[in-house]
Amino acid sequence: MNVTSLVVGLLLAFLLIGAFAGVVAGRLMPRGGPGLSGRMAIGILGAFIGGFLFGLVPADLEVGLVGAPITAAIGAALLLFAVAKIKKH
């Protein structure tokens, strides 16, 4: 296995986890907000935010099959909350 295929695989996994997390976070948040594709995009961006925020914590909470989706869902929920607050004003 070469490095390129590993990077592409990790990127695809990251995008899928982020999209899934956006859908989950959208279901947990109150009514309204973007549609399914918007939630998936916010989930991908939220995965970056969650990874950054949990990266500040000294423990490795954002890795693994359980930690990555939870981290991405928390980041997506925070981003959905921020988008809802901005749209209100």
N, C-alpha and C. Protein backbone atom coordinates (compact mmCIF):
# COMPACT_ATOMS: atom_id res chain seq x y z
N MET A 1 0.85 -1.17 0.00
CA MET A 1 0.00 0.00 0.00
C MET A 1 0.90 1.23 0.00
N ASN A 2 0.60 2.16 -0.90
CA ASN A 2 1.42 3.37 -0.95
C ASN A 2 0.76 4.49 -0.14
N VAL A 3 1.49 5.55 0.04
CA VAL A 3 1.04 6.65 0.88
C VAL A 3 -0.17 7.35 0.29
N THR A 4 -0.22 7.47 -1.02
CA THR A 4 -1.32 8.16 -1.68
C THR A 4 -2.65 7.47 -1.41
N SER A 5 -2.69 6.16 -1.54
CA SER A 5 -3.94 5.43 -1.30
C SER A 5 -4.34 5.51 0.16
N LEU A 6 -3.38 5.55 1.06
CA LEU A 6 -3.69 5.69 2.47
C LEU A 6 -4.30 7.05 2.76
N VAL A 7 -3.74 8.10 2.19
CA VAL A 7 -4.25 9.45 2.40
C VAL A 7 -5.66 9.58 1.81
N VAL A 8 -5.87 9.04 0.62
CA VAL A 8 -7.19 9.10 0.00
C VAL A 8 -8.21 8.33 0.84
N GLY A 9 -7.83 7.18 1.35
CA GLY A 9 -8.72 6.39 2.21
C GLY A 9 -9.07 7.13 3.49
N LEU A 10 -8.09 7.75 4.11
CA LEU A 10 -8.35 8.51 5.33
C LEU A 10 -9.24 9.72 5.06
N LEU A 11 -9.02 10.38 3.94
CA LEU A 11 -9.85 11.53 3.57
C LEU A 11 -11.29 11.11 3.33
N LEU A 12 -11.48 10.00 2.62
CA LEU A 12 -12.84 9.49 2.39
C LEU A 12 -13.52 9.11 3.70
N ALA A 13 -12.79 8.46 4.58
CA ALA A 13 -13.36 8.11 5.88
C ALA A 13 -13.74 9.35 6.67
N PHE A 14 -12.89 10.37 6.63
CA PHE A 14 -13.16 11.62 7.32
C PHE A 14 -14.42 12.28 6.78
N LEU A 15 -14.56 12.30 5.45
CA LEU A 15 -15.74 12.91 4.83
C LEU A 15 -17.01 12.15 5.17
N LEU A 16 -16.95 10.82 5.15
CA LEU A 16 -18.12 10.02 5.48
C LEU A 16 -18.51 10.18 6.94
N ILE A 17 -17.54 10.17 7.83
CA ILE A 17 -17.83 10.36 9.25
C ILE A 17 -18.40 11.74 9.49
N GLY A 18 -17.85 12.76 8.84
CA GLY A 18 -18.36 14.12 8.98
C GLY A 18 -19.79 14.25 8.48
N ALA A 19 -20.07 13.65 7.32
CA ALA A 19 -21.43 13.71 6.77
C ALA A 19 -22.41 13.01 7.69
N PHE A 20 -22.04 11.84 8.18
CA PHE A 20 -22.89 11.11 9.12
C PHE A 20 -23.11 11.92 10.40
N ALA A 21 -22.06 12.53 10.89
CA ALA A 21 -22.17 13.33 12.11
C ALA A 21 -23.09 14.53 11.91
N GLY A 22 -23.06 15.12 10.73
CA GLY A 22 -23.95 16.24 10.43
C GLY A 22 -25.41 15.83 10.46
N VAL A 23 -25.69 14.66 9.92
CA VAL A 23 -27.07 14.15 9.93
C VAL A 23 -27.50 13.88 11.38
N VAL A 24 -26.64 13.25 12.16
CA VAL A 24 -26.96 12.97 13.56
C VAL A 24 -27.14 14.26 14.35
N ALA A 25 -26.24 15.21 14.16
CA ALA A 25 -26.34 16.48 14.88
C ALA A 25 -27.60 17.24 14.48
N GLY A 26 -27.98 17.16 13.20
CA GLY A 26 -29.20 17.81 12.73
C GLY A 26 -30.44 17.23 13.37
N ARG A 27 -30.41 15.95 13.65
CA ARG A 27 -31.55 15.31 14.32
C ARG A 27 -31.61 15.69 15.80
N LEU A 28 -30.47 15.96 16.39
CA LEU A 28 -30.43 16.31 17.81
C LEU A 28 -30.78 17.77 18.07
N MET A 29 -30.57 18.62 17.06
CA MET A 29 -30.84 20.04 17.21
C MET A 29 -32.33 20.31 17.01
N PRO A 30 -32.81 21.46 17.52
CA PRO A 30 -34.22 21.80 17.34
C PRO A 30 -34.59 21.96 15.87
N ARG A 31 -35.88 22.07 15.62
CA ARG A 31 -36.40 22.18 14.25
C ARG A 31 -35.72 23.27 13.45
N GLY A 32 -35.94 23.20 12.17
CA GLY A 32 -35.36 24.20 11.27
C GLY A 32 -33.97 23.82 10.84
N GLY A 33 -33.30 24.77 10.28
CA GLY A 33 -31.94 24.54 9.84
C GLY A 33 -31.90 24.06 8.41
N PRO A 34 -30.74 23.71 7.94
CA PRO A 34 -30.57 23.32 6.54
C PRO A 34 -31.16 21.93 6.27
N GLY A 35 -31.29 21.61 5.00
CA GLY A 35 -31.75 20.28 4.61
C GLY A 35 -30.65 19.25 4.78
N LEU A 36 -30.89 18.09 4.23
CA LEU A 36 -29.95 16.97 4.39
C LEU A 36 -28.57 17.29 3.85
N SER A 37 -28.48 17.82 2.64
CA SER A 37 -27.16 18.11 2.08
C SER A 37 -26.46 19.22 2.86
N GLY A 38 -27.21 20.19 3.36
CA GLY A 38 -26.63 21.24 4.20
C GLY A 38 -26.11 20.69 5.51
N ARG A 39 -26.87 19.77 6.09
CA ARG A 39 -26.41 19.13 7.33
C ARG A 39 -25.15 18.32 7.12
N MET A 40 -25.08 17.65 5.97
CA MET A 40 -23.88 16.86 5.68
C MET A 40 -22.67 17.78 5.51
N ALA A 41 -22.85 18.90 4.82
CA ALA A 41 -21.74 19.85 4.65
C ALA A 41 -21.33 20.44 5.99
N ILE A 42 -22.31 20.80 6.81
CA ILE A 42 -22.01 21.34 8.14
C ILE A 42 -21.34 20.26 8.99
N GLY A 43 -21.73 19.01 8.81
CA GLY A 43 -21.08 17.92 9.54
C GLY A 43 -19.61 17.78 9.18
N ILE A 44 -19.30 17.94 7.91
CA ILE A 44 -17.90 17.85 7.48
C ILE A 44 -17.10 19.00 8.07
N LEU A 45 -17.65 20.21 8.00
CA LEU A 45 -16.97 21.35 8.62
C LEU A 45 -16.91 21.19 10.14
N GLY A 46 -17.99 20.67 10.71
CA GLY A 46 -18.01 20.42 12.15
C GLY A 46 -16.98 19.39 12.59
N ALA A 47 -16.70 18.44 11.72
CA ALA A 47 -15.67 17.45 12.04
C ALA A 47 -14.31 18.12 12.19
N PHE A 48 -14.04 19.10 11.33
CA PHE A 48 -12.81 19.87 11.47
C PHE A 48 -12.81 20.64 12.80
N ILE A 49 -13.93 21.28 13.11
CA ILE A 49 -14.03 22.07 14.34
C ILE A 49 -13.90 21.17 15.56
N GLY A 50 -14.62 20.05 15.56
CA GLY A 50 -14.53 19.12 16.68
C GLY A 50 -13.14 18.55 16.84
N GLY A 51 -12.50 18.22 15.73
CA GLY A 51 -11.13 17.72 15.79
C GLY A 51 -10.18 18.75 16.36
N PHE A 52 -10.38 20.01 15.97
CA PHE A 52 -9.53 21.07 16.51
C PHE A 52 -9.76 21.26 18.00
N LEU A 53 -11.05 21.35 18.40
CA LEU A 53 -11.36 21.59 19.81
C LEU A 53 -10.90 20.43 20.70
N PHE A 54 -11.16 19.21 20.26
CA PHE A 54 -10.72 18.07 21.06
C PHE A 54 -9.22 17.85 20.97
N GLY A 55 -8.60 18.41 19.93
CA GLY A 55 -7.13 18.36 19.83
C GLY A 55 -6.46 19.22 20.89
N LEU A 56 -7.20 20.20 21.41
CA LEU A 56 -6.66 21.05 22.47
C LEU A 56 -6.63 20.34 23.82
N VAL A 57 -7.43 19.28 23.95
CA VAL A 57 -7.49 18.50 25.19
C VAL A 57 -6.30 17.54 25.19
N PRO A 58 -5.62 17.38 26.31
CA PRO A 58 -4.42 16.53 26.31
C PRO A 58 -4.68 15.04 26.06
N ALA A 59 -5.92 14.58 26.09
CA ALA A 59 -6.20 13.16 25.83
C ALA A 59 -6.56 12.96 24.36
N ASP A 60 -6.38 11.75 23.85
CA ASP A 60 -6.72 11.43 22.47
C ASP A 60 -8.18 11.00 22.38
N LEU A 61 -9.09 11.95 22.46
CA LEU A 61 -10.51 11.64 22.42
C LEU A 61 -11.06 11.58 21.01
N GLU A 62 -10.38 12.19 20.05
CA GLU A 62 -10.92 12.31 18.71
C GLU A 62 -10.49 11.21 17.75
N VAL A 63 -9.95 10.13 18.26
CA VAL A 63 -9.48 9.05 17.38
C VAL A 63 -10.28 7.78 17.61
N GLY A 64 -10.25 6.90 16.65
CA GLY A 64 -10.90 5.60 16.78
C GLY A 64 -12.28 5.58 16.17
N LEU A 65 -12.85 4.39 16.11
CA LEU A 65 -14.16 4.22 15.51
C LEU A 65 -15.28 4.81 16.34
N VAL A 66 -15.07 4.97 17.62
CA VAL A 66 -16.09 5.58 18.48
C VAL A 66 -15.81 7.06 18.68
N GLY A 67 -14.59 7.41 18.92
CA GLY A 67 -14.23 8.79 19.22
C GLY A 67 -14.40 9.74 18.06
N ALA A 68 -14.06 9.31 16.85
CA ALA A 68 -14.13 10.19 15.68
C ALA A 68 -15.56 10.63 15.37
N PRO A 69 -16.54 9.71 15.32
CA PRO A 69 -17.91 10.17 15.06
C PRO A 69 -18.48 11.04 16.18
N ILE A 70 -18.13 10.75 17.42
CA ILE A 70 -18.62 11.56 18.53
C ILE A 70 -18.02 12.96 18.45
N THR A 71 -16.74 13.04 18.20
CA THR A 71 -16.07 14.33 18.05
C THR A 71 -16.67 15.13 16.89
N ALA A 72 -16.89 14.47 15.77
CA ALA A 72 -17.46 15.13 14.60
C ALA A 72 -18.89 15.58 14.87
N ALA A 73 -19.68 14.76 15.57
CA ALA A 73 -21.06 15.13 15.89
C ALA A 73 -21.12 16.32 16.83
N ILE A 74 -20.24 16.38 17.80
CA ILE A 74 -20.19 17.52 18.72
C ILE A 74 -19.80 18.79 17.96
N GLY A 75 -18.79 18.69 17.10
CA GLY A 75 -18.40 19.84 16.30
C GLY A 75 -19.51 20.29 15.36
N ALA A 76 -20.22 19.33 14.75
CA ALA A 76 -21.33 19.67 13.86
C ALA A 76 -22.48 20.31 14.63
N ALA A 77 -22.77 19.79 15.84
CA ALA A 77 -23.84 20.38 16.65
C ALA A 77 -23.49 21.81 17.04
N LEU A 78 -22.24 22.05 17.39
CA LEU A 78 -21.82 23.42 17.71
C LEU A 78 -21.96 24.34 16.51
N LEU A 79 -21.57 23.84 15.34
CA LEU A 79 -21.68 24.65 14.13
C LEU A 79 -23.14 24.89 13.75
N LEU A 80 -24.00 23.87 13.88
CA LEU A 80 -25.42 24.06 13.60
C LEU A 80 -26.04 25.06 14.57
N PHE A 81 -25.65 25.01 15.81
CA PHE A 81 -26.13 25.97 16.81
C PHE A 81 -25.71 27.39 16.43
N ALA A 82 -24.46 27.55 16.02
CA ALA A 82 -23.95 28.87 15.64
C ALA A 82 -24.69 29.38 14.39
N VAL A 83 -24.91 28.50 13.41
CA VAL A 83 -25.62 28.92 12.20
C VAL A 83 -27.05 29.33 12.54
N ALA A 84 -27.71 28.60 13.43
CA ALA A 84 -29.08 28.94 13.82
C ALA A 84 -29.11 30.29 14.53
N LYS A 85 -28.14 30.56 15.37
CA LYS A 85 -28.09 31.85 16.08
C LYS A 85 -27.83 33.01 15.10
N ILE A 86 -26.98 32.79 14.13
CA ILE A 86 -26.67 33.83 13.15
C ILE A 86 -27.90 34.11 12.28
N LYS A 87 -28.62 33.05 11.88
CA LYS A 87 -29.80 33.22 11.04
C LYS A 87 -30.93 33.93 11.79
N LYS A 88 -30.98 33.79 13.11
CA LYS A 88 -32.02 34.44 13.90
C LYS A 88 -31.90 35.95 13.86
N HIS A 89 -30.69 36.45 13.75
CA HIS A 89 -30.47 37.91 13.80
C HIS A 89 -30.60 38.52 12.48
